[in-house]
Amino acid sequence: MAQTKKILLYIVVVFVLYTIITSPAKAADLVQVGFEGISSAAQGVGEFMTELVN
């Protein structure tokens, strides 16, 4: 089981590196979308907590 997780982790790392090397602009766009999603989620949690306190 642990060996399977390690192999899957290596496959994901190789895929990410391949994507970054072959198309850095697309990889940058994907990272930007990810950070925008995280930012939106954090903003939503902040608004929820603010309303909860009020």
PDB file of N, CA and C in Angstrom:
ATOM      1  N   MET A   1       0.832  -1.200   0.000  1.00  0.00           N
ATOM      2  CA  MET A   1       0.000   0.000   0.000  1.00  0.00           C
ATOM      3  C   MET A   1       0.873   1.259   0.000  1.00  0.00           C
ATOM      4  N   ALA A   2       1.870   1.297   0.870  1.00  0.00           N
ATOM      5  CA  ALA A   2       2.743   2.466   0.935  1.00  0.00           C
ATOM      6  C   ALA A   2       3.545   2.618  -0.353  1.00  0.00           C
ATOM      7  N   GLN A   3       3.933   1.504  -0.932  1.00  0.00           N
ATOM      8  CA  GLN A   3       4.700   1.556  -2.165  1.00  0.00           C
ATOM      9  C   GLN A   3       3.830   2.078  -3.317  1.00  0.00           C
ATOM     10  N   THR A   4       2.564   1.731  -3.323  1.00  0.00           N
ATOM     11  CA  THR A   4       1.640   2.220  -4.344  1.00  0.00           C
ATOM     12  C   THR A   4       1.489   3.732  -4.240  1.00  0.00           C
ATOM     13  N   LYS A   5       1.367   4.248  -3.021  1.00  0.00           N
ATOM     14  CA  LYS A   5       1.254   5.694  -2.821  1.00  0.00           C
ATOM     15  C   LYS A   5       2.509   6.402  -3.307  1.00  0.00           C
ATOM     16  N   LYS A   6       3.654   5.808  -3.042  1.00  0.00           N
ATOM     17  CA  LYS A   6       4.915   6.408  -3.466  1.00  0.00           C
ATOM     18  C   LYS A   6       5.005   6.454  -4.992  1.00  0.00           C
ATOM     19  N   ILE A   7       4.591   5.386  -5.646  1.00  0.00           N
ATOM     20  CA  ILE A   7       4.621   5.335  -7.109  1.00  0.00           C
ATOM     21  C   ILE A   7       3.655   6.368  -7.692  1.00  0.00           C
ATOM     22  N   LEU A   8       2.455   6.464  -7.133  1.00  0.00           N
ATOM     23  CA  LEU A   8       1.493   7.458  -7.605  1.00  0.00           C
ATOM     24  C   LEU A   8       2.011   8.882  -7.405  1.00  0.00           C
ATOM     25  N   LEU A   9       2.674   9.128  -6.279  1.00  0.00           N
ATOM     26  CA  LEU A   9       3.254  10.443  -6.025  1.00  0.00           C
ATOM     27  C   LEU A   9       4.314  10.774  -7.076  1.00  0.00           C
ATOM     28  N   TYR A  10       5.171   9.805  -7.404  1.00  0.00           N
ATOM     29  CA  TYR A  10       6.190  10.028  -8.435  1.00  0.00           C
ATOM     30  C   TYR A  10       5.547  10.312  -9.787  1.00  0.00           C
ATOM     31  N   ILE A  11       4.479   9.606 -10.108  1.00  0.00           N
ATOM     32  CA  ILE A  11       3.791   9.829 -11.382  1.00  0.00           C
ATOM     33  C   ILE A  11       3.212  11.241 -11.429  1.00  0.00           C
ATOM     34  N   VAL A  12       2.611  11.686 -10.339  1.00  0.00           N
ATOM     35  CA  VAL A  12       2.040  13.036 -10.299  1.00  0.00           C
ATOM     36  C   VAL A  12       3.140  14.086 -10.432  1.00  0.00           C
ATOM     37  N   VAL A  13       4.261  13.886  -9.746  1.00  0.00           N
ATOM     38  CA  VAL A  13       5.364  14.839  -9.825  1.00  0.00           C
ATOM     39  C   VAL A  13       5.914  14.906 -11.249  1.00  0.00           C
ATOM     40  N   VAL A  14       6.098  13.757 -11.875  1.00  0.00           N
ATOM     41  CA  VAL A  14       6.595  13.734 -13.251  1.00  0.00           C
ATOM     42  C   VAL A  14       5.608  14.429 -14.184  1.00  0.00           C
ATOM     43  N   PHE A  15       4.323  14.202 -14.013  1.00  0.00           N
ATOM     44  CA  PHE A  15       3.318  14.846 -14.845  1.00  0.00           C
ATOM     45  C   PHE A  15       3.350  16.360 -14.677  1.00  0.00           C
ATOM     46  N   VAL A  16       3.453  16.826 -13.433  1.00  0.00           N
ATOM     47  CA  VAL A  16       3.498  18.267 -13.172  1.00  0.00           C
ATOM     48  C   VAL A  16       4.743  18.881 -13.804  1.00  0.00           C
ATOM     49  N   LEU A  17       5.886  18.246 -13.625  1.00  0.00           N
ATOM     50  CA  LEU A  17       7.111  18.759 -14.234  1.00  0.00           C
ATOM     51  C   LEU A  17       7.020  18.762 -15.756  1.00  0.00           C
ATOM     52  N   TYR A  18       6.468  17.707 -16.328  1.00  0.00           N
ATOM     53  CA  TYR A  18       6.300  17.633 -17.782  1.00  0.00           C
ATOM     54  C   TYR A  18       5.413  18.774 -18.277  1.00  0.00           C
ATOM     55  N   THR A  19       4.311  19.023 -17.567  1.00  0.00           N
ATOM     56  CA  THR A  19       3.400  20.094 -17.954  1.00  0.00           C
ATOM     57  C   THR A  19       4.081  21.454 -17.877  1.00  0.00           C
ATOM     58  N   ILE A  20       4.858  21.679 -16.816  1.00  0.00           N
ATOM     59  CA  ILE A  20       5.544  22.955 -16.653  1.00  0.00           C
ATOM     60  C   ILE A  20       6.588  23.153 -17.747  1.00  0.00           C
ATOM     61  N   ILE A  21       7.312  22.103 -18.077  1.00  0.00           N
ATOM     62  CA  ILE A  21       8.381  22.215 -19.066  1.00  0.00           C
ATOM     63  C   ILE A  21       7.818  22.388 -20.475  1.00  0.00           C
ATOM     64  N   THR A  22       6.770  21.636 -20.814  1.00  0.00           N
ATOM     65  CA  THR A  22       6.266  21.671 -22.186  1.00  0.00           C
ATOM     66  C   THR A  22       5.400  22.894 -22.472  1.00  0.00           C
ATOM     67  N   SER A  23       4.659  23.371 -21.484  1.00  0.00           N
ATOM     68  CA  SER A  23       3.818  24.557 -21.723  1.00  0.00           C
ATOM     69  C   SER A  23       3.745  25.402 -20.447  1.00  0.00           C
ATOM     70  N   PRO A  24       4.772  26.208 -20.224  1.00  0.00           N
ATOM     71  CA  PRO A  24       4.806  27.007 -18.993  1.00  0.00           C
ATOM     72  C   PRO A  24       3.668  28.033 -18.895  1.00  0.00           C
ATOM     73  N   ALA A  25       3.210  28.555 -20.026  1.00  0.00           N
ATOM     74  CA  ALA A  25       2.115  29.536 -19.978  1.00  0.00           C
ATOM     75  C   ALA A  25       0.828  28.880 -19.478  1.00  0.00           C
ATOM     76  N   LYS A  26       0.540  27.678 -19.976  1.00  0.00           N
ATOM     77  CA  LYS A  26      -0.661  26.960 -19.542  1.00  0.00           C
ATOM     78  C   LYS A  26      -0.541  26.579 -18.065  1.00  0.00           C
ATOM     79  N   ALA A  27       0.646  26.168 -17.647  1.00  0.00           N
ATOM     80  CA  ALA A  27       0.860  25.810 -16.247  1.00  0.00           C
ATOM     81  C   ALA A  27       0.652  27.035 -15.355  1.00  0.00           C
ATOM     82  N   ALA A  28       1.127  28.189 -15.797  1.00  0.00           N
ATOM     83  CA  ALA A  28       0.935  29.416 -15.019  1.00  0.00           C
ATOM     84  C   ALA A  28      -0.540  29.765 -14.919  1.00  0.00           C
ATOM     85  N   ASP A  29      -1.270  29.584 -16.008  1.00  0.00           N
ATOM     86  CA  ASP A  29      -2.714  29.839 -15.976  1.00  0.00           C
ATOM     87  C   ASP A  29      -3.420  28.919 -14.986  1.00  0.00           C
ATOM     88  N   LEU A  30      -3.032  27.648 -14.969  1.00  0.00           N
ATOM     89  CA  LEU A  30      -3.646  26.699 -14.040  1.00  0.00           C
ATOM     90  C   LEU A  30      -3.352  27.070 -12.590  1.00  0.00           C
ATOM     91  N   VAL A  31      -2.122  27.497 -12.327  1.00  0.00           N
ATOM     92  CA  VAL A  31      -1.761  27.914 -10.964  1.00  0.00           C
ATOM     93  C   VAL A  31      -2.568  29.148 -10.571  1.00  0.00           C
ATOM     94  N   GLN A  32      -2.715  30.087 -11.497  1.00  0.00           N
ATOM     95  CA  GLN A  32      -3.490  31.296 -11.218  1.00  0.00           C
ATOM     96  C   GLN A  32      -4.934  30.946 -10.902  1.00  0.00           C
ATOM     97  N   VAL A  33      -5.527  30.052 -11.670  1.00  0.00           N
ATOM     98  CA  VAL A  33      -6.909  29.629 -11.425  1.00  0.00           C
ATOM     99  C   VAL A  33      -7.011  28.975 -10.044  1.00  0.00           C
ATOM    100  N   GLY A  34      -6.030  28.160  -9.698  1.00  0.00           N
ATOM    101  CA  GLY A  34      -6.037  27.509  -8.383  1.00  0.00           C
ATOM    102  C   GLY A  34      -5.982  28.514  -7.249  1.00  0.00           C
ATOM    103  N   PHE A  35      -5.092  29.504  -7.375  1.00  0.00           N
ATOM    104  CA  PHE A  35      -4.982  30.510  -6.321  1.00  0.00           C
ATOM    105  C   PHE A  35      -6.224  31.396  -6.256  1.00  0.00           C
ATOM    106  N   GLU A  36      -6.835  31.681  -7.390  1.00  0.00           N
ATOM    107  CA  GLU A  36      -8.078  32.450  -7.374  1.00  0.00           C
ATOM    108  C   GLU A  36      -9.181  31.672  -6.669  1.00  0.00           C
ATOM    109  N   GLY A  37      -9.219  30.364  -6.882  1.00  0.00           N
ATOM    110  CA  GLY A  37     -10.208  29.528  -6.203  1.00  0.00           C
ATOM    111  C   GLY A  37      -9.996  29.511  -4.701  1.00  0.00           C
ATOM    112  N   ILE A  38      -8.739  29.387  -4.291  1.00  0.00           N
ATOM    113  CA  ILE A  38      -8.421  29.396  -2.856  1.00  0.00           C
ATOM    114  C   ILE A  38      -8.780  30.747  -2.254  1.00  0.00           C
ATOM    115  N   SER A  39      -8.479  31.819  -2.970  1.00  0.00           N
ATOM    116  CA  SER A  39      -8.790  33.163  -2.494  1.00  0.00           C
ATOM    117  C   SER A  39     -10.293  33.360  -2.345  1.00  0.00           C
ATOM    118  N   SER A  40     -11.055  32.879  -3.316  1.00  0.00           N
ATOM    119  CA  SER A  40     -12.515  32.988  -3.246  1.00  0.00           C
ATOM    120  C   SER A  40     -13.067  32.213  -2.058  1.00  0.00           C
ATOM    121  N   ALA A  41     -12.536  31.027  -1.855  1.00  0.00           N
ATOM    122  CA  ALA A  41     -13.004  30.211  -0.732  1.00  0.00           C
ATOM    123  C   ALA A  41     -12.694  30.899   0.595  1.00  0.00           C
ATOM    124  N   ALA A  42     -11.499  31.452   0.721  1.00  0.00           N
ATOM    125  CA  ALA A  42     -11.123  32.141   1.960  1.00  0.00           C
ATOM    126  C   ALA A  42     -11.994  33.374   2.180  1.00  0.00           C
ATOM    127  N   GLN A  43     -12.293  34.090   1.101  1.00  0.00           N
ATOM    128  CA  GLN A  43     -13.148  35.263   1.212  1.00  0.00           C
ATOM    129  C   GLN A  43     -14.557  34.857   1.645  1.00  0.00           C
ATOM    130  N   GLY A  44     -15.058  33.763   1.091  1.00  0.00           N
ATOM    131  CA  GLY A  44     -16.381  33.277   1.474  1.00  0.00           C
ATOM    132  C   GLY A  44     -16.439  32.876   2.938  1.00  0.00           C
ATOM    133  N   VAL A  45     -15.399  32.209   3.419  1.00  0.00           N
ATOM    134  CA  VAL A  45     -15.352  31.829   4.833  1.00  0.00           C
ATOM    135  C   VAL A  45     -15.297  33.073   5.705  1.00  0.00           C
ATOM    136  N   GLY A  46     -14.517  34.064   5.275  1.00  0.00           N
ATOM    137  CA  GLY A  46     -14.428  35.310   6.040  1.00  0.00           C
ATOM    138  C   GLY A  46     -15.765  36.028   6.119  1.00  0.00           C
ATOM    139  N   GLU A  47     -16.483  36.092   5.003  1.00  0.00           N
ATOM    140  CA  GLU A  47     -17.798  36.729   5.005  1.00  0.00           C
ATOM    141  C   GLU A  47     -18.778  35.960   5.884  1.00  0.00           C
ATOM    142  N   PHE A  48     -18.706  34.636   5.837  1.00  0.00           N
ATOM    143  CA  PHE A  48     -19.581  33.812   6.669  1.00  0.00           C
ATOM    144  C   PHE A  48     -19.318  34.069   8.149  1.00  0.00           C
ATOM    145  N   MET A  49     -18.055  34.107   8.526  1.00  0.00           N
ATOM    146  CA  MET A  49     -17.701  34.342   9.938  1.00  0.00           C
ATOM    147  C   MET A  49     -18.121  35.734  10.373  1.00  0.00           C
ATOM    148  N   THR A  50     -17.976  36.727   9.483  1.00  0.00           N
ATOM    149  CA  THR A  50     -18.393  38.081   9.805  1.00  0.00           C
ATOM    150  C   THR A  50     -19.901  38.142  10.065  1.00  0.00           C
ATOM    151  N   GLU A  51     -20.656  37.504   9.196  1.00  0.00           N
ATOM    152  CA  GLU A  51     -22.110  37.476   9.376  1.00  0.00           C
ATOM    153  C   GLU A  51     -22.503  36.691  10.620  1.00  0.00           C
ATOM    154  N   LEU A  52     -21.749  35.660  10.927  1.00  0.00           N
ATOM    155  CA  LEU A  52     -22.028  34.853  12.109  1.00  0.00           C
ATOM    156  C   LEU A  52     -21.833  35.675  13.384  1.00  0.00           C
ATOM    157  N   VAL A  53     -20.788  36.495  13.398  1.00  0.00           N
ATOM    158  CA  VAL A  53     -20.495  37.322  14.560  1.00  0.00           C
ATOM    159  C   VAL A  53     -21.537  38.430  14.694  1.00  0.00           C
ATOM    160  N   ASN A  54     -21.977  38.991  13.589  1.00  0.00           N
ATOM    161  CA  ASN A  54     -22.968  40.079  13.636  1.00  0.00           C
ATOM    162  C   ASN A  54     -24.294  39.471  13.977  1.00  0.00           C
TER     163      ASN A  54
END
